[in-house]
Amino acid sequence: MTRVVDTTSRRKGFPAPLTKVSRVVAALDLQRWAKCPKGMLSVVFVGDKEISQIHKTFMNDASVTDVITFIGEAHPAEPFAGEIVINVDQARRAGPEHGQSAKSELLLYLVHGWLHLAGYRDKKPAEAKAMRAAEAKCLSYLSKRRITL
């Protein structure tokens, strides 16, 4: 069964790449070693101001960040996997700093959020190391299949 991916852009001047996001998520969902919960997935693209507000409201930290993931509910009738909120402004800054395009950075943020939903954490050094390895594995998988944002 194909997952419903609700993709929205609330960042003025940034059209949400609806089909591409759905294609990335569908490919990630085929992974056997990491499983995102079943149900609809929401992916929202925002700017610095909105992600700062979300970060402050839900994590008591008003700093700008790259991606925030909210884990959903496994309701039997209508499961909701969760929501991934991605900061377009941060990707535009960080991509070139990391020697890649903003689109590649956005893809990393989407993968990172999906991995959080699949149970990966990154607060402790060992967790962060496992997260980086999982990100690299996902990005390599997507690259081999020429799936991008």
Protein backbone atom coordinates (compact mmCIF):
# COMPACT_ATOMS: atom_id res chain seq x y z
CA MET A 1 0.00 0.00 0.00
CA THR A 2 1.34 3.42 -0.92
CA ARG A 3 1.72 5.93 1.88
CA VAL A 4 -0.10 9.25 1.62
CA VAL A 5 2.42 12.08 1.86
CA ASP A 6 0.93 15.52 2.44
CA THR A 7 3.55 18.04 1.28
CA THR A 8 3.12 21.75 1.91
CA SER A 9 5.29 24.84 1.55
CA ARG A 10 4.74 27.73 3.92
CA ARG A 11 7.98 29.36 2.76
CA LYS A 12 7.11 32.18 0.39
CA GLY A 13 8.80 31.73 -2.97
CA PHE A 14 9.48 28.02 -2.45
CA PRO A 15 7.08 25.71 -4.28
CA ALA A 16 6.70 22.38 -2.51
CA PRO A 17 8.22 19.57 -4.62
CA LEU A 18 5.14 17.34 -4.11
CA THR A 19 5.90 14.50 -6.49
CA LYS A 20 9.59 14.38 -5.60
CA VAL A 21 8.94 14.24 -1.84
CA SER A 22 6.44 11.41 -2.32
CA ARG A 23 8.97 9.55 -4.49
CA VAL A 24 11.74 9.94 -1.86
CA VAL A 25 9.45 8.73 0.94
CA ALA A 26 8.22 5.77 -1.14
CA ALA A 27 11.84 4.74 -1.79
CA LEU A 28 12.80 5.11 1.87
CA ASP A 29 9.75 3.06 2.86
CA LEU A 30 11.17 0.17 0.80
CA GLN A 31 14.22 -0.04 3.08
CA ARG A 32 14.24 -3.28 5.05
CA TRP A 33 16.62 -2.18 7.79
CA ALA A 34 14.65 0.88 8.98
CA LYS A 35 10.89 1.21 9.19
CA CYS A 36 8.93 4.43 9.47
CA PRO A 37 5.54 3.87 11.15
CA LYS A 38 2.52 3.30 8.94
CA GLY A 39 0.13 6.03 8.07
CA MET A 40 -0.02 9.42 6.47
CA LEU A 41 3.13 11.53 6.61
CA SER A 42 3.17 15.32 6.56
CA VAL A 43 6.19 17.18 5.16
CA VAL A 44 6.18 20.96 5.60
CA PHE A 45 8.73 23.40 4.19
CA VAL A 46 9.16 26.61 6.22
CA GLY A 47 11.62 29.47 6.69
CA ASP A 48 13.80 30.61 9.59
CA LYS A 49 11.11 32.60 11.38
CA GLU A 50 8.54 29.79 11.46
CA ILE A 51 10.97 27.04 12.43
CA SER A 52 12.29 29.24 15.24
CA GLN A 53 8.72 29.68 16.52
CA ILE A 54 8.03 25.95 16.30
CA HIS A 55 11.33 25.16 18.02
CA LYS A 56 10.48 27.58 20.86
CA THR A 57 6.90 26.35 21.25
CA PHE A 58 7.66 22.63 21.34
CA MET A 59 11.26 22.46 22.60
CA ASN A 60 11.67 25.69 24.54
CA ASP A 61 14.53 26.73 22.24
CA ALA A 62 14.03 29.72 19.94
CA SER A 63 17.12 29.03 17.84
CA VAL A 64 16.90 28.38 14.11
CA THR A 65 17.33 24.71 13.23
CA ASP A 66 17.30 22.62 10.07
CA VAL A 67 14.56 20.04 10.64
CA ILE A 68 12.06 19.17 13.37
CA THR A 69 10.24 15.86 13.47
CA PHE A 70 6.99 15.15 15.29
CA ILE A 71 6.13 11.50 15.82
CA GLY A 72 2.52 10.66 15.02
CA GLU A 73 0.01 8.19 16.41
CA ALA A 74 -0.62 4.56 15.53
CA HIS A 75 -4.40 4.97 15.54
CA PRO A 76 -5.93 1.78 14.10
CA ALA A 77 -8.45 3.53 11.83
CA GLU A 78 -6.25 6.38 10.62
CA PRO A 79 -2.58 5.93 11.49
CA PHE A 80 -0.46 9.08 11.29
CA ALA A 81 3.28 8.47 10.95
CA GLY A 82 4.19 12.04 11.86
CA GLU A 83 5.32 15.38 10.51
CA ILE A 84 8.69 16.53 9.22
CA VAL A 85 9.21 20.31 9.23
CA ILE A 86 12.11 21.37 7.00
CA ASN A 87 13.81 24.79 7.02
CA VAL A 88 14.41 25.92 3.43
CA ASP A 89 16.46 28.96 4.51
CA GLN A 90 18.87 26.79 6.51
CA ALA A 91 19.30 24.43 3.54
CA ARG A 92 20.10 27.37 1.29
CA ARG A 93 22.85 28.46 3.70
CA ALA A 94 24.19 25.06 4.74
CA GLY A 95 24.20 23.34 1.34
CA PRO A 96 26.99 25.50 -0.11
CA GLU A 97 28.85 25.39 3.24
CA HIS A 98 28.83 21.58 2.95
CA GLY A 99 29.86 21.66 -0.71
CA GLN A 100 26.47 20.68 -2.08
CA SER A 101 23.32 22.24 -3.45
CA ALA A 102 20.42 23.46 -1.33
CA LYS A 103 18.30 20.67 -2.87
CA SER A 104 20.80 18.05 -1.68
CA GLU A 105 20.70 19.60 1.79
CA LEU A 106 16.88 19.50 1.74
CA LEU A 107 17.05 15.83 0.80
CA LEU A 108 19.35 15.21 3.78
CA TYR A 109 16.83 16.96 6.08
CA LEU A 110 13.98 14.83 4.71
CA VAL A 111 16.01 11.64 5.22
CA HIS A 112 16.97 12.80 8.73
CA GLY A 113 13.32 13.41 9.64
CA TRP A 114 12.24 10.06 8.19
CA LEU A 115 14.94 8.32 10.24
CA HIS A 116 13.68 10.02 13.41
CA LEU A 117 10.25 8.56 12.64
CA ALA A 118 11.93 5.18 12.13
CA GLY A 119 13.32 5.37 15.66
CA TYR A 120 16.76 6.92 15.20
CA ARG A 121 17.85 9.53 17.73
CA ASP A 122 20.83 11.88 17.76
CA LYS A 123 21.11 13.50 21.20
CA LYS A 124 23.96 11.33 22.50
CA PRO A 125 27.27 10.89 20.62
CA ALA A 126 26.66 7.19 19.90
CA GLU A 127 23.15 7.94 18.66
CA ALA A 128 24.42 10.77 16.44
CA LYS A 129 27.05 8.44 14.97
CA ALA A 130 24.38 5.83 14.16
CA MET A 131 22.16 8.57 12.67
CA ARG A 132 24.99 9.81 10.40
CA ALA A 133 25.63 6.25 9.20
CA ALA A 134 21.92 5.69 8.52
CA GLU A 135 21.70 9.02 6.65
CA ALA A 136 24.66 8.01 4.47
CA LYS A 137 23.08 4.63 3.78
CA CYS A 138 19.75 6.22 2.78
CA LEU A 139 21.38 8.90 0.63
CA SER A 140 23.48 6.28 -1.15
CA TYR A 141 20.37 4.15 -1.75
CA LEU A 142 18.51 7.15 -3.20
CA SER A 143 21.50 8.22 -5.30
CA LYS A 144 21.84 4.77 -6.87
CA ARG A 145 18.20 5.02 -7.89
CA ARG A 146 18.62 8.63 -9.05
CA ILE A 147 15.94 9.84 -6.66
CA THR A 148 16.39 13.48 -5.66
CA LEU A 149 14.40 16.53 -4.63
